[in-house]
Amino acid sequence: MPTVTTQGTNVDTEQIVSALQAQLGDKYQVFAKDNPNREVLSVKQSTLSFASVHVVREDGVTKYHVHGGGLVIGRLVNELGIARKVADAIKSAPGLGSA
């Protein structure tokens, strides 16, 4: 599970979604999940290729915990594939803070 830490906590969920969508392109769907207890985003490339991003804001930093989705083998593939790609997109996305 890749984790990316950036400085600052002033970026809202919609800005994160927009920044990730711009970095990843049209082949990916990025959207916020409806979860009242946690800030969670979903990134989907296909039915079998998807990842979740858990956003945690604390002590002046924002942590993005990226998890590949799926069952056993699929999860392993997604951890090594799409989850890493999403983590790299967060690192290089303008406006999400400095890593």
PDB file of N, CA and C in Angstrom:
ATOM      1  N   MET A   1       0.836  -1.170   0.000  1.00  0.00           N
ATOM      2  CA  MET A   1       0.000   0.000   0.000  1.00  0.00           C
ATOM      3  C   MET A   1       0.885   1.237   0.000  1.00  0.00           C
ATOM      4  N   PRO A   2       0.929   1.971  -1.110  1.00  0.00           N
ATOM      5  CA  PRO A   2       1.687   3.207  -1.133  1.00  0.00           C
ATOM      6  C   PRO A   2       1.009   4.296  -0.298  1.00  0.00           C
ATOM      7  N   THR A   3       1.809   5.097   0.372  1.00  0.00           N
ATOM      8  CA  THR A   3       1.315   6.253   1.113  1.00  0.00           C
ATOM      9  C   THR A   3       2.092   7.468   0.665  1.00  0.00           C
ATOM     10  N   VAL A   4       1.371   8.540   0.363  1.00  0.00           N
ATOM     11  CA  VAL A   4       1.990   9.796  -0.049  1.00  0.00           C
ATOM     12  C   VAL A   4       1.614  10.842   0.995  1.00  0.00           C
ATOM     13  N   THR A   5       2.603  11.590   1.475  1.00  0.00           N
ATOM     14  CA  THR A   5       2.374  12.645   2.449  1.00  0.00           C
ATOM     15  C   THR A   5       2.733  13.976   1.813  1.00  0.00           C
ATOM     16  N   THR A   6       1.803  14.941   1.895  1.00  0.00           N
ATOM     17  CA  THR A   6       2.052  16.274   1.354  1.00  0.00           C
ATOM     18  C   THR A   6       1.867  17.308   2.456  1.00  0.00           C
ATOM     19  N   GLN A   7       2.489  18.457   2.289  1.00  0.00           N
ATOM     20  CA  GLN A   7       2.354  19.550   3.245  1.00  0.00           C
ATOM     21  C   GLN A   7       1.022  20.250   3.023  1.00  0.00           C
ATOM     22  N   GLY A   8       0.378  20.647   4.115  1.00  0.00           N
ATOM     23  CA  GLY A   8      -0.876  21.394   4.029  1.00  0.00           C
ATOM     24  C   GLY A   8      -2.097  20.502   4.075  1.00  0.00           C
ATOM     25  N   THR A   9      -3.196  21.099   4.542  1.00  0.00           N
ATOM     26  CA  THR A   9      -4.460  20.364   4.646  1.00  0.00           C
ATOM     27  C   THR A   9      -5.610  21.145   4.017  1.00  0.00           C
ATOM     28  N   ASN A  10      -5.290  22.165   3.236  1.00  0.00           N
ATOM     29  CA  ASN A  10      -6.323  23.072   2.743  1.00  0.00           C
ATOM     30  C   ASN A  10      -6.913  22.693   1.389  1.00  0.00           C
ATOM     31  N   VAL A  11      -6.634  21.527   0.874  1.00  0.00           N
ATOM     32  CA  VAL A  11      -7.189  21.080  -0.400  1.00  0.00           C
ATOM     33  C   VAL A  11      -8.445  20.264  -0.118  1.00  0.00           C
ATOM     34  N   ASP A  12      -9.564  20.652  -0.750  1.00  0.00           N
ATOM     35  CA  ASP A  12     -10.796  19.900  -0.484  1.00  0.00           C
ATOM     36  C   ASP A  12     -10.912  18.690  -1.415  1.00  0.00           C
ATOM     37  N   THR A  13     -11.894  17.861  -1.154  1.00  0.00           N
ATOM     38  CA  THR A  13     -12.070  16.603  -1.885  1.00  0.00           C
ATOM     39  C   THR A  13     -12.251  16.835  -3.381  1.00  0.00           C
ATOM     40  N   GLU A  14     -13.034  17.820  -3.760  1.00  0.00           N
ATOM     41  CA  GLU A  14     -13.269  18.093  -5.180  1.00  0.00           C
ATOM     42  C   GLU A  14     -11.977  18.489  -5.894  1.00  0.00           C
ATOM     43  N   GLN A  15     -11.115  19.238  -5.217  1.00  0.00           N
ATOM     44  CA  GLN A  15      -9.832  19.624  -5.811  1.00  0.00           C
ATOM     45  C   GLN A  15      -8.930  18.403  -5.989  1.00  0.00           C
ATOM     46  N   ILE A  16      -8.959  17.493  -5.030  1.00  0.00           N
ATOM     47  CA  ILE A  16      -8.162  16.270  -5.144  1.00  0.00           C
ATOM     48  C   ILE A  16      -8.649  15.437  -6.328  1.00  0.00           C
ATOM     49  N   VAL A  17      -9.963  15.278  -6.445  1.00  0.00           N
ATOM     50  CA  VAL A  17     -10.545  14.514  -7.552  1.00  0.00           C
ATOM     51  C   VAL A  17     -10.145  15.135  -8.891  1.00  0.00           C
ATOM     52  N   SER A  18     -10.265  16.453  -9.003  1.00  0.00           N
ATOM     53  CA  SER A  18      -9.919  17.143 -10.257  1.00  0.00           C
ATOM     54  C   SER A  18      -8.442  16.995 -10.598  1.00  0.00           C
ATOM     55  N   ALA A  19      -7.586  17.149  -9.592  1.00  0.00           N
ATOM     56  CA  ALA A  19      -6.140  17.035  -9.821  1.00  0.00           C
ATOM     57  C   ALA A  19      -5.770  15.621 -10.262  1.00  0.00           C
ATOM     58  N   LEU A  20      -6.334  14.621  -9.600  1.00  0.00           N
ATOM     59  CA  LEU A  20      -6.037  13.230  -9.986  1.00  0.00           C
ATOM     60  C   LEU A  20      -6.567  12.918 -11.380  1.00  0.00           C
ATOM     61  N   GLN A  21      -7.769  13.374 -11.690  1.00  0.00           N
ATOM     62  CA  GLN A  21      -8.347  13.121 -13.015  1.00  0.00           C
ATOM     63  C   GLN A  21      -7.471  13.742 -14.097  1.00  0.00           C
ATOM     64  N   ALA A  22      -6.980  14.958 -13.852  1.00  0.00           N
ATOM     65  CA  ALA A  22      -6.109  15.626 -14.824  1.00  0.00           C
ATOM     66  C   ALA A  22      -4.795  14.865 -14.998  1.00  0.00           C
ATOM     67  N   GLN A  23      -4.223  14.356 -13.910  1.00  0.00           N
ATOM     68  CA  GLN A  23      -2.961  13.624 -13.977  1.00  0.00           C
ATOM     69  C   GLN A  23      -3.124  12.267 -14.664  1.00  0.00           C
ATOM     70  N   LEU A  24      -4.204  11.569 -14.378  1.00  0.00           N
ATOM     71  CA  LEU A  24      -4.383  10.205 -14.881  1.00  0.00           C
ATOM     72  C   LEU A  24      -4.981  10.150 -16.281  1.00  0.00           C
ATOM     73  N   GLY A  25      -5.763  11.130 -16.654  1.00  0.00           N
ATOM     74  CA  GLY A  25      -6.346  11.166 -17.990  1.00  0.00           C
ATOM     75  C   GLY A  25      -7.704  10.491 -18.082  1.00  0.00           C
ATOM     76  N   ASP A  26      -8.211  10.452 -19.310  1.00  0.00           N
ATOM     77  CA  ASP A  26      -9.569   9.970 -19.565  1.00  0.00           C
ATOM     78  C   ASP A  26      -9.753   8.468 -19.419  1.00  0.00           C
ATOM     79  N   LYS A  27      -8.669   7.701 -19.377  1.00  0.00           N
ATOM     80  CA  LYS A  27      -8.794   6.246 -19.230  1.00  0.00           C
ATOM     81  C   LYS A  27      -9.228   5.858 -17.817  1.00  0.00           C
ATOM     82  N   TYR A  28      -9.195   6.819 -16.885  1.00  0.00           N
ATOM     83  CA  TYR A  28      -9.512   6.554 -15.487  1.00  0.00           C
ATOM     84  C   TYR A  28     -10.721   7.365 -15.053  1.00  0.00           C
ATOM     85  N   GLN A  29     -11.496   6.806 -14.141  1.00  0.00           N
ATOM     86  CA  GLN A  29     -12.599   7.521 -13.498  1.00  0.00           C
ATOM     87  C   GLN A  29     -12.181   7.769 -12.057  1.00  0.00           C
ATOM     88  N   VAL A  30     -12.264   9.011 -11.622  1.00  0.00           N
ATOM     89  CA  VAL A  30     -11.917   9.359 -10.250  1.00  0.00           C
ATOM     90  C   VAL A  30     -13.148   9.996  -9.623  1.00  0.00           C
ATOM     91  N   PHE A  31     -13.560   9.483  -8.460  1.00  0.00           N
ATOM     92  CA  PHE A  31     -14.733  10.037  -7.797  1.00  0.00           C
ATOM     93  C   PHE A  31     -14.644   9.818  -6.290  1.00  0.00           C
ATOM     94  N   ALA A  32     -15.334  10.685  -5.556  1.00  0.00           N
ATOM     95  CA  ALA A  32     -15.387  10.566  -4.100  1.00  0.00           C
ATOM     96  C   ALA A  32     -16.461   9.551  -3.735  1.00  0.00           C
ATOM     97  N   LYS A  33     -16.144   8.702  -2.782  1.00  0.00           N
ATOM     98  CA  LYS A  33     -17.130   7.741  -2.275  1.00  0.00           C
ATOM     99  C   LYS A  33     -17.932   8.425  -1.178  1.00  0.00           C
ATOM    100  N   ASP A  34     -19.189   8.057  -1.074  1.00  0.00           N
ATOM    101  CA  ASP A  34     -20.061   8.621  -0.054  1.00  0.00           C
ATOM    102  C   ASP A  34     -19.842   7.868   1.251  1.00  0.00           C
ATOM    103  N   ASN A  35     -18.994   8.432   2.116  1.00  0.00           N
ATOM    104  CA  ASN A  35     -18.664   7.807   3.393  1.00  0.00           C
ATOM    105  C   ASN A  35     -18.612   8.905   4.448  1.00  0.00           C
ATOM    106  N   PRO A  36     -19.571   8.935   5.377  1.00  0.00           N
ATOM    107  CA  PRO A  36     -19.616  10.017   6.356  1.00  0.00           C
ATOM    108  C   PRO A  36     -18.474   9.992   7.382  1.00  0.00           C
ATOM    109  N   ASN A  37     -17.821   8.872   7.563  1.00  0.00           N
ATOM    110  CA  ASN A  37     -16.790   8.756   8.599  1.00  0.00           C
ATOM    111  C   ASN A  37     -15.369   8.952   8.092  1.00  0.00           C
ATOM    112  N   ARG A  38     -15.138   8.780   6.787  1.00  0.00           N
ATOM    113  CA  ARG A  38     -13.792   8.872   6.221  1.00  0.00           C
ATOM    114  C   ARG A  38     -13.851   9.565   4.878  1.00  0.00           C
ATOM    115  N   GLU A  39     -12.746  10.188   4.507  1.00  0.00           N
ATOM    116  CA  GLU A  39     -12.636  10.789   3.190  1.00  0.00           C
ATOM    117  C   GLU A  39     -11.983   9.745   2.283  1.00  0.00           C
ATOM    118  N   VAL A  40     -12.774   9.189   1.373  1.00  0.00           N
ATOM    119  CA  VAL A  40     -12.315   8.094   0.516  1.00  0.00           C
ATOM    120  C   VAL A  40     -12.619   8.434  -0.940  1.00  0.00           C
ATOM    121  N   LEU A  41     -11.612   8.220  -1.791  1.00  0.00           N
ATOM    122  CA  LEU A  41     -11.776   8.394  -3.230  1.00  0.00           C
ATOM    123  C   LEU A  41     -11.639   7.031  -3.895  1.00  0.00           C
ATOM    124  N   SER A  42     -12.236   6.901  -5.055  1.00  0.00           N
ATOM    125  CA  SER A  42     -12.099   5.675  -5.829  1.00  0.00           C
ATOM    126  C   SER A  42     -11.534   6.031  -7.194  1.00  0.00           C
ATOM    127  N   VAL A  43     -10.584   5.227  -7.655  1.00  0.00           N
ATOM    128  CA  VAL A  43      -9.995   5.403  -8.981  1.00  0.00           C
ATOM    129  C   VAL A  43     -10.202   4.082  -9.714  1.00  0.00           C
ATOM    130  N   LYS A  44     -10.844   4.178 -10.872  1.00  0.00           N
ATOM    131  CA  LYS A  44     -11.191   2.968 -11.608  1.00  0.00           C
ATOM    132  C   LYS A  44     -10.720   3.080 -13.053  1.00  0.00           C
ATOM    133  N   GLN A  45     -10.025   2.044 -13.507  1.00  0.00           N
ATOM    134  CA  GLN A  45      -9.630   1.980 -14.909  1.00  0.00           C
ATOM    135  C   GLN A  45     -10.530   1.000 -15.656  1.00  0.00           C
ATOM    136  N   SER A  46     -10.883  -0.096 -14.997  1.00  0.00           N
ATOM    137  CA  SER A  46     -11.780  -1.092 -15.575  1.00  0.00           C
ATOM    138  C   SER A  46     -12.434  -1.852 -14.425  1.00  0.00           C
ATOM    139  N   THR A  47     -13.231  -2.828 -14.755  1.00  0.00           N
ATOM    140  CA  THR A  47     -13.912  -3.616 -13.726  1.00  0.00           C
ATOM    141  C   THR A  47     -12.929  -4.281 -12.772  1.00  0.00           C
ATOM    142  N   LEU A  48     -11.798  -4.714 -13.275  1.00  0.00           N
ATOM    143  CA  LEU A  48     -10.828  -5.430 -12.452  1.00  0.00           C
ATOM    144  C   LEU A  48      -9.642  -4.573 -12.009  1.00  0.00           C
ATOM    145  N   SER A  49      -9.542  -3.360 -12.514  1.00  0.00           N
ATOM    146  CA  SER A  49      -8.416  -2.499 -12.188  1.00  0.00           C
ATOM    147  C   SER A  49      -8.923  -1.244 -11.484  1.00  0.00           C
ATOM    148  N   PHE A  50      -8.794  -1.240 -10.139  1.00  0.00           N
ATOM    149  CA  PHE A  50      -9.285  -0.105  -9.367  1.00  0.00           C
ATOM    150  C   PHE A  50      -8.512   0.026  -8.067  1.00  0.00           C
ATOM    151  N   ALA A  51      -8.614   1.217  -7.471  1.00  0.00           N
ATOM    152  CA  ALA A  51      -7.910   1.497  -6.221  1.00  0.00           C
ATOM    153  C   ALA A  51      -8.744   2.460  -5.382  1.00  0.00           C
ATOM    154  N   SER A  52      -8.502   2.438  -4.078  1.00  0.00           N
ATOM    155  CA  SER A  52      -9.123   3.376  -3.152  1.00  0.00           C
ATOM    156  C   SER A  52      -8.040   4.253  -2.554  1.00  0.00           C
ATOM    157  N   VAL A  53      -8.394   5.508  -2.316  1.00  0.00           N
ATOM    158  CA  VAL A  53      -7.478   6.456  -1.696  1.00  0.00           C
ATOM    159  C   VAL A  53      -8.147   6.972  -0.426  1.00  0.00           C
ATOM    160  N   HIS A  54      -7.535   6.701   0.717  1.00  0.00           N
ATOM    161  CA  HIS A  54      -8.026   7.193   2.005  1.00  0.00           C
ATOM    162  C   HIS A  54      -7.231   8.443   2.340  1.00  0.00           C
ATOM    163  N   VAL A  55      -7.934   9.556   2.530  1.00  0.00           N
ATOM    164  CA  VAL A  55      -7.286  10.843   2.785  1.00  0.00           C
ATOM    165  C   VAL A  55      -7.390  11.146   4.276  1.00  0.00           C
ATOM    166  N   VAL A  56      -6.228  11.380   4.900  1.00  0.00           N
ATOM    167  CA  VAL A  56      -6.178  11.687   6.325  1.00  0.00           C
ATOM    168  C   VAL A  56      -5.443  13.015   6.488  1.00  0.00           C
ATOM    169  N   ARG A  57      -6.102  13.980   7.131  1.00  0.00           N
ATOM    170  CA  ARG A  57      -5.502  15.300   7.358  1.00  0.00           C
ATOM    171  C   ARG A  57      -5.180  15.432   8.840  1.00  0.00           C
ATOM    172  N   GLU A  58      -3.901  15.703   9.132  1.00  0.00           N
ATOM    173  CA  GLU A  58      -3.505  15.848  10.535  1.00  0.00           C
ATOM    174  C   GLU A  58      -2.198  16.613  10.648  1.00  0.00           C
ATOM    175  N   ASP A  59      -2.073  17.416  11.671  1.00  0.00           N
ATOM    176  CA  ASP A  59      -0.833  18.131  12.004  1.00  0.00           C
ATOM    177  C   ASP A  59      -0.197  18.846  10.821  1.00  0.00           C
ATOM    178  N   GLY A  60      -1.004  19.525  10.010  1.00  0.00           N
ATOM    179  CA  GLY A  60      -0.466  20.309   8.908  1.00  0.00           C
ATOM    180  C   GLY A  60      -0.050  19.526   7.680  1.00  0.00           C
ATOM    181  N   VAL A  61      -0.338  18.232   7.638  1.00  0.00           N
ATOM    182  CA  VAL A  61      -0.022  17.415   6.460  1.00  0.00           C
ATOM    183  C   VAL A  61      -1.264  16.633   6.032  1.00  0.00           C
ATOM    184  N   THR A  62      -1.249  16.217   4.791  1.00  0.00           N
ATOM    185  CA  THR A  62      -2.299  15.348   4.272  1.00  0.00           C
ATOM    186  C   THR A  62      -1.640  14.049   3.844  1.00  0.00           C
ATOM    187  N   LYS A  63      -2.183  12.938   4.334  1.00  0.00           N
ATOM    188  CA  LYS A  63      -1.673  11.615   3.961  1.00  0.00           C
ATOM    189  C   LYS A  63      -2.693  10.929   3.065  1.00  0.00           C
ATOM    190  N   TYR A  64      -2.180  10.399   1.957  1.00  0.00           N
ATOM    191  CA  TYR A  64      -3.003   9.668   1.000  1.00  0.00           C
ATOM    192  C   TYR A  64      -2.573   8.207   1.059  1.00  0.00           C
ATOM    193  N   HIS A  65      -3.433   7.342   1.594  1.00  0.00           N
ATOM    194  CA  HIS A  65      -3.160   5.910   1.670  1.00  0.00           C
ATOM    195  C   HIS A  65      -3.857   5.259   0.473  1.00  0.00           C
ATOM    196  N   VAL A  66      -3.082   4.699  -0.431  1.00  0.00           N
ATOM    197  CA  VAL A  66      -3.621   4.144  -1.675  1.00  0.00           C
ATOM    198  C   VAL A  66      -3.621   2.623  -1.586  1.00  0.00           C
ATOM    199  N   HIS A  67      -4.781   2.016  -1.820  1.00  0.00           N
ATOM    200  CA  HIS A  67      -4.942   0.563  -1.742  1.00  0.00           C
ATOM    201  C   HIS A  67      -5.429   0.039  -3.096  1.00  0.00           C
ATOM    202  N   GLY A  68      -4.786  -0.987  -3.606  1.00  0.00           N
ATOM    203  CA  GLY A  68      -5.303  -1.669  -4.787  1.00  0.00           C
ATOM    204  C   GLY A  68      -6.530  -2.462  -4.390  1.00  0.00           C
ATOM    205  N   GLY A  69      -7.507  -2.541  -5.274  1.00  0.00           N
ATOM    206  CA  GLY A  69      -8.742  -3.249  -4.963  1.00  0.00           C
ATOM    207  C   GLY A  69      -8.767  -4.638  -5.564  1.00  0.00           C
ATOM    208  N   GLY A  70      -9.724  -5.429  -5.117  1.00  0.00           N
ATOM    209  CA  GLY A  70      -9.916  -6.762  -5.669  1.00  0.00           C
ATOM    210  C   GLY A  70      -9.728  -7.846  -4.631  1.00  0.00           C
ATOM    211  N   LEU A  71      -9.819  -9.080  -5.091  1.00  0.00           N
ATOM    212  CA  LEU A  71      -9.630 -10.238  -4.238  1.00  0.00           C
ATOM    213  C   LEU A  71      -8.251 -10.825  -4.475  1.00  0.00           C
ATOM    214  N   VAL A  72      -7.642 -11.358  -3.492  1.00  0.00           N
ATOM    215  CA  VAL A  72      -6.328 -11.979  -3.415  1.00  0.00           C
ATOM    216  C   VAL A  72      -5.392 -11.636  -4.579  1.00  0.00           C
ATOM    217  N   ILE A  73      -5.433 -12.383  -5.677  1.00  0.00           N
ATOM    218  CA  ILE A  73      -4.514 -12.170  -6.796  1.00  0.00           C
ATOM    219  C   ILE A  73      -4.755 -10.798  -7.430  1.00  0.00           C
ATOM    220  N   GLY A  74      -6.016 -10.452  -7.641  1.00  0.00           N
ATOM    221  CA  GLY A  74      -6.349  -9.156  -8.238  1.00  0.00           C
ATOM    222  C   GLY A  74      -5.867  -8.005  -7.387  1.00  0.00           C
ATOM    223  N   ARG A  75      -5.980  -8.137  -6.079  1.00  0.00           N
ATOM    224  CA  ARG A  75      -5.521  -7.076  -5.175  1.00  0.00           C
ATOM    225  C   ARG A  75      -4.013  -6.907  -5.282  1.00  0.00           C
ATOM    226  N   LEU A  76      -3.285  -8.011  -5.337  1.00  0.00           N
ATOM    227  CA  LEU A  76      -1.829  -7.950  -5.470  1.00  0.00           C
ATOM    228  C   LEU A  76      -1.440  -7.249  -6.775  1.00  0.00           C
ATOM    229  N   VAL A  77      -2.083  -7.617  -7.856  1.00  0.00           N
ATOM    230  CA  VAL A  77      -1.818  -6.990  -9.152  1.00  0.00           C
ATOM    231  C   VAL A  77      -2.123  -5.497  -9.086  1.00  0.00           C
ATOM    232  N   ASN A  78      -3.246  -5.130  -8.473  1.00  0.00           N
ATOM    233  CA  ASN A  78      -3.633  -3.727  -8.387  1.00  0.00           C
ATOM    234  C   ASN A  78      -2.737  -2.931  -7.437  1.00  0.00           C
ATOM    235  N   GLU A  79      -2.210  -3.569  -6.386  1.00  0.00           N
ATOM    236  CA  GLU A  79      -1.268  -2.886  -5.497  1.00  0.00           C
ATOM    237  C   GLU A  79      -0.001  -2.529  -6.261  1.00  0.00           C
ATOM    238  N   LEU A  80       0.439  -3.418  -7.145  1.00  0.00           N
ATOM    239  CA  LEU A  80       1.664  -3.184  -7.904  1.00  0.00           C
ATOM    240  C   LEU A  80       1.429  -2.337  -9.148  1.00  0.00           C
ATOM    241  N   GLY A  81       0.189  -2.257  -9.595  1.00  0.00           N
ATOM    242  CA  GLY A  81      -0.130  -1.529 -10.825  1.00  0.00           C
ATOM    243  C   GLY A  81      -0.802  -0.194 -10.573  1.00  0.00           C
ATOM    244  N   ILE A  82      -2.119  -0.209 -10.523  1.00  0.00           N
ATOM    245  CA  ILE A  82      -2.886   1.033 -10.452  1.00  0.00           C
ATOM    246  C   ILE A  82      -2.610   1.812  -9.160  1.00  0.00           C
ATOM    247  N   ALA A  83      -2.402   1.138  -8.037  1.00  0.00           N
ATOM    248  CA  ALA A  83      -2.153   1.858  -6.779  1.00  0.00           C
ATOM    249  C   ALA A  83      -0.864   2.671  -6.871  1.00  0.00           C
ATOM    250  N   ARG A  84       0.149   2.097  -7.453  1.00  0.00           N
ATOM    251  CA  ARG A  84       1.418   2.840  -7.618  1.00  0.00           C
ATOM    252  C   ARG A  84       1.251   3.997  -8.595  1.00  0.00           C
ATOM    253  N   LYS A  85       0.473   3.771  -9.649  1.00  0.00           N
ATOM    254  CA  LYS A  85       0.239   4.832 -10.634  1.00  0.00           C
ATOM    255  C   LYS A  85      -0.522   5.990  -9.981  1.00  0.00           C
ATOM    256  N   VAL A  86      -1.504   5.674  -9.159  1.00  0.00           N
ATOM    257  CA  VAL A  86      -2.271   6.712  -8.463  1.00  0.00           C
ATOM    258  C   VAL A  86      -1.367   7.463  -7.481  1.00  0.00           C
ATOM    259  N   ALA A  87      -0.538   6.747  -6.738  1.00  0.00           N
ATOM    260  CA  ALA A  87       0.390   7.393  -5.797  1.00  0.00           C
ATOM    261  C   ALA A  87       1.334   8.335  -6.541  1.00  0.00           C
ATOM    262  N   ASP A  88       1.843   7.912  -7.678  1.00  0.00           N
ATOM    263  CA  ASP A  88       2.714   8.771  -8.485  1.00  0.00           C
ATOM    264  C   ASP A  88       1.965  10.002  -8.984  1.00  0.00           C
ATOM    265  N   ALA A  89       0.693   9.827  -9.354  1.00  0.00           N
ATOM    266  CA  ALA A  89      -0.120  10.954  -9.814  1.00  0.00           C
ATOM    267  C   ALA A  89      -0.331  11.960  -8.689  1.00  0.00           C
ATOM    268  N   ILE A  90      -0.533  11.477  -7.462  1.00  0.00           N
ATOM    269  CA  ILE A  90      -0.700  12.378  -6.322  1.00  0.00           C
ATOM    270  C   ILE A  90       0.582  13.171  -6.103  1.00  0.00           C
ATOM    271  N   LYS A  91       1.724  12.498  -6.175  1.00  0.00           N
ATOM    272  CA  LYS A  91       3.012  13.163  -5.967  1.00  0.00           C
ATOM    273  C   LYS A  91       3.258  14.274  -6.977  1.00  0.00           C
ATOM    274  N   SER A  92       2.845  14.049  -8.216  1.00  0.00           N
ATOM    275  CA  SER A  92       3.154  15.017  -9.261  1.00  0.00           C
ATOM    276  C   SER A  92       2.006  15.975  -9.583  1.00  0.00           C
ATOM    277  N   ALA A  93       0.863  15.827  -8.927  1.00  0.00           N
ATOM    278  CA  ALA A  93      -0.289  16.687  -9.226  1.00  0.00           C
ATOM    279  C   ALA A  93      -0.077  18.090  -8.666  1.00  0.00           C
ATOM    280  N   PRO A  94      -0.137  19.103  -9.539  1.00  0.00           N
ATOM    281  CA  PRO A  94      -0.019  20.473  -9.046  1.00  0.00           C
ATOM    282  C   PRO A  94      -1.203  20.826  -8.160  1.00  0.00           C
ATOM    283  N   GLY A  95      -0.947  21.518  -7.092  1.00  0.00           N
ATOM    284  CA  GLY A  95      -2.019  21.964  -6.218  1.00  0.00           C
ATOM    285  C   GLY A  95      -2.329  21.055  -5.050  1.00  0.00           C
ATOM    286  N   LEU A  96      -1.736  19.865  -5.006  1.00  0.00           N
ATOM    287  CA  LEU A  96      -1.995  18.973  -3.873  1.00  0.00           C
ATOM    288  C   LEU A  96      -0.961  19.159  -2.765  1.00  0.00           C
ATOM    289  N   GLY A  97      -0.072  20.083  -2.907  1.00  0.00           N
ATOM    290  CA  GLY A  97       0.955  20.314  -1.890  1.00  0.00           C
ATOM    291  C   GLY A  97       2.258  19.690  -2.309  1.00  0.00           C
ATOM    292  N   SER A  98       3.269  19.897  -1.521  1.00  0.00           N
ATOM    293  CA  SER A  98       4.588  19.349  -1.868  1.00  0.00           C
ATOM    294  C   SER A  98       4.825  18.071  -1.096  1.00  0.00           C
ATOM    295  N   ALA A  99       5.354  17.087  -1.777  1.00  0.00           N
ATOM    296  CA  ALA A  99       5.615  15.788  -1.141  1.00  0.00           C
ATOM    297  C   ALA A  99       6.870  15.849  -0.301  1.00  0.00           C
TER     298      ALA A  99
END
